[in-house]
Amino acid sequence: MHPELHRFLSRYIGAVALALAPVIFTAFVSMPLNLARHPGEQAVVGQAWKHMT
């Protein structure tokens, strides 16, 4: 691979990863807070359903 292409691709992939990291982290942290439980857990039967907005 050409050195300039390798440098460009490594910088491009790094920039994309750095841009997506906060988005993925925010979604991972905020989903249990909005659902009032973790996504894999069963919902409590008596718990009132709350809209996410």
N, C-alpha and C. Protein backbone atom coordinates (compact mmCIF):
# COMPACT_ATOMS: atom_id res chain seq x y z
N MET A 1 0.85 -1.17 0.00
CA MET A 1 0.00 0.00 0.00
C MET A 1 0.90 1.23 0.00
N HIS A 2 0.46 2.23 -0.71
CA HIS A 2 1.22 3.48 -0.80
C HIS A 2 1.26 4.14 0.58
N PRO A 3 2.40 4.69 0.97
CA PRO A 3 2.50 5.29 2.31
C PRO A 3 1.51 6.44 2.56
N GLU A 4 1.27 7.24 1.52
CA GLU A 4 0.32 8.34 1.70
C GLU A 4 -1.10 7.82 1.90
N LEU A 5 -1.48 6.78 1.16
CA LEU A 5 -2.80 6.18 1.32
C LEU A 5 -2.94 5.55 2.70
N HIS A 6 -1.89 4.90 3.15
CA HIS A 6 -1.92 4.29 4.49
C HIS A 6 -2.08 5.36 5.56
N ARG A 7 -1.36 6.45 5.43
CA ARG A 7 -1.47 7.55 6.41
C ARG A 7 -2.87 8.16 6.39
N PHE A 8 -3.41 8.37 5.17
CA PHE A 8 -4.75 8.94 5.05
C PHE A 8 -5.80 8.02 5.68
N LEU A 9 -5.74 6.74 5.35
CA LEU A 9 -6.73 5.81 5.90
C LEU A 9 -6.63 5.68 7.41
N SER A 10 -5.43 5.68 7.94
CA SER A 10 -5.29 5.58 9.39
C SER A 10 -5.83 6.83 10.08
N ARG A 11 -5.61 8.00 9.50
CA ARG A 11 -6.16 9.23 10.09
C ARG A 11 -7.68 9.29 9.93
N TYR A 12 -8.18 8.83 8.78
CA TYR A 12 -9.62 8.84 8.53
C TYR A 12 -10.34 7.90 9.50
N ILE A 13 -9.84 6.70 9.64
CA ILE A 13 -10.46 5.73 10.55
C ILE A 13 -10.37 6.22 11.99
N GLY A 14 -9.27 6.85 12.36
CA GLY A 14 -9.14 7.41 13.70
C GLY A 14 -10.14 8.52 13.96
N ALA A 15 -10.34 9.39 12.95
CA ALA A 15 -11.30 10.49 13.11
C ALA A 15 -12.73 9.96 13.22
N VAL A 16 -13.06 8.95 12.43
CA VAL A 16 -14.40 8.36 12.49
C VAL A 16 -14.62 7.70 13.85
N ALA A 17 -13.62 6.99 14.33
CA ALA A 17 -13.74 6.32 15.63
C ALA A 17 -13.89 7.34 16.76
N LEU A 18 -13.13 8.43 16.69
CA LEU A 18 -13.25 9.46 17.73
C LEU A 18 -14.59 10.18 17.67
N ALA A 19 -15.17 10.30 16.48
CA ALA A 19 -16.47 10.95 16.37
C ALA A 19 -17.59 10.03 16.86
N LEU A 20 -17.45 8.74 16.65
CA LEU A 20 -18.50 7.80 17.06
C LEU A 20 -18.42 7.40 18.52
N ALA A 21 -17.27 7.51 19.13
CA ALA A 21 -17.10 7.07 20.52
C ALA A 21 -18.06 7.79 21.48
N PRO A 22 -18.18 9.12 21.45
CA PRO A 22 -19.13 9.75 22.39
C PRO A 22 -20.58 9.39 22.11
N VAL A 23 -20.92 9.19 20.85
CA VAL A 23 -22.30 8.83 20.50
C VAL A 23 -22.64 7.45 21.06
N ILE A 24 -21.75 6.49 20.86
CA ILE A 24 -21.98 5.14 21.35
C ILE A 24 -22.00 5.12 22.88
N PHE A 25 -21.10 5.86 23.51
CA PHE A 25 -21.07 5.91 24.97
C PHE A 25 -22.36 6.51 25.53
N THR A 26 -22.82 7.61 24.92
CA THR A 26 -24.04 8.26 25.40
C THR A 26 -25.25 7.34 25.25
N ALA A 27 -25.34 6.65 24.13
CA ALA A 27 -26.46 5.73 23.93
C ALA A 27 -26.39 4.58 24.92
N PHE A 28 -25.20 4.06 25.16
CA PHE A 28 -25.04 2.93 26.08
C PHE A 28 -25.38 3.33 27.52
N VAL A 29 -25.04 4.54 27.91
CA VAL A 29 -25.29 4.98 29.28
C VAL A 29 -26.72 5.45 29.47
N SER A 30 -27.30 6.13 28.48
CA SER A 30 -28.62 6.73 28.68
C SER A 30 -29.78 5.76 28.50
N MET A 31 -29.58 4.66 27.77
CA MET A 31 -30.70 3.74 27.56
C MET A 31 -31.21 3.12 28.86
N PRO A 32 -30.35 2.62 29.76
CA PRO A 32 -30.89 2.10 31.03
C PRO A 32 -31.58 3.17 31.87
N LEU A 33 -31.14 4.40 31.77
CA LEU A 33 -31.80 5.46 32.53
C LEU A 33 -33.19 5.75 31.98
N ASN A 34 -33.35 5.74 30.66
CA ASN A 34 -34.66 6.00 30.07
C ASN A 34 -35.62 4.84 30.28
N LEU A 35 -35.12 3.63 30.25
CA LEU A 35 -35.98 2.46 30.42
C LEU A 35 -36.23 2.14 31.89
N ALA A 36 -35.45 2.72 32.79
CA ALA A 36 -35.48 2.44 34.23
C ALA A 36 -35.09 1.00 34.51
N ARG A 37 -34.36 0.37 33.59
CA ARG A 37 -33.82 -0.98 33.75
C ARG A 37 -32.82 -1.20 32.62
N HIS A 38 -32.08 -2.27 32.71
CA HIS A 38 -31.17 -2.62 31.62
C HIS A 38 -31.96 -3.28 30.50
N PRO A 39 -31.55 -3.11 29.24
CA PRO A 39 -32.33 -3.64 28.12
C PRO A 39 -32.57 -5.15 28.17
N GLY A 40 -31.70 -5.93 28.76
CA GLY A 40 -31.89 -7.38 28.81
C GLY A 40 -32.74 -7.87 29.96
N GLU A 41 -33.05 -7.01 30.91
CA GLU A 41 -33.82 -7.42 32.08
C GLU A 41 -35.31 -7.41 31.78
N GLN A 42 -36.05 -8.24 32.51
CA GLN A 42 -37.49 -8.25 32.38
C GLN A 42 -38.07 -7.00 33.05
N ALA A 43 -39.12 -6.45 32.46
CA ALA A 43 -39.79 -5.30 33.05
C ALA A 43 -40.60 -5.75 34.26
N VAL A 44 -40.66 -4.91 35.27
CA VAL A 44 -41.46 -5.21 36.45
C VAL A 44 -42.93 -5.08 36.06
N VAL A 45 -43.74 -6.06 36.45
CA VAL A 45 -45.14 -6.11 36.02
C VAL A 45 -45.92 -4.92 36.55
N GLY A 46 -45.72 -4.55 37.79
CA GLY A 46 -46.49 -3.46 38.38
C GLY A 46 -45.96 -2.08 38.07
N GLN A 47 -44.87 -2.00 37.37
CA GLN A 47 -44.25 -0.70 37.10
C GLN A 47 -45.04 0.02 36.02
N ALA A 48 -45.34 1.29 36.27
CA ALA A 48 -46.07 2.09 35.28
C ALA A 48 -45.16 2.36 34.09
N TRP A 49 -45.73 2.25 32.89
CA TRP A 49 -44.96 2.49 31.68
C TRP A 49 -44.76 3.98 31.50
N LYS A 50 -43.53 4.36 31.23
CA LYS A 50 -43.19 5.77 31.09
C LYS A 50 -42.71 6.02 29.66
N HIS A 51 -43.23 7.05 29.03
CA HIS A 51 -42.80 7.38 27.68
C HIS A 51 -41.38 7.91 27.72
N MET A 52 -40.60 7.61 26.69
CA MET A 52 -39.16 7.94 26.70
C MET A 52 -38.89 9.40 26.36
N THR A 53 -39.88 10.17 25.90
CA THR A 53 -39.61 11.56 25.54
C THR A 53 -39.99 12.50 26.64
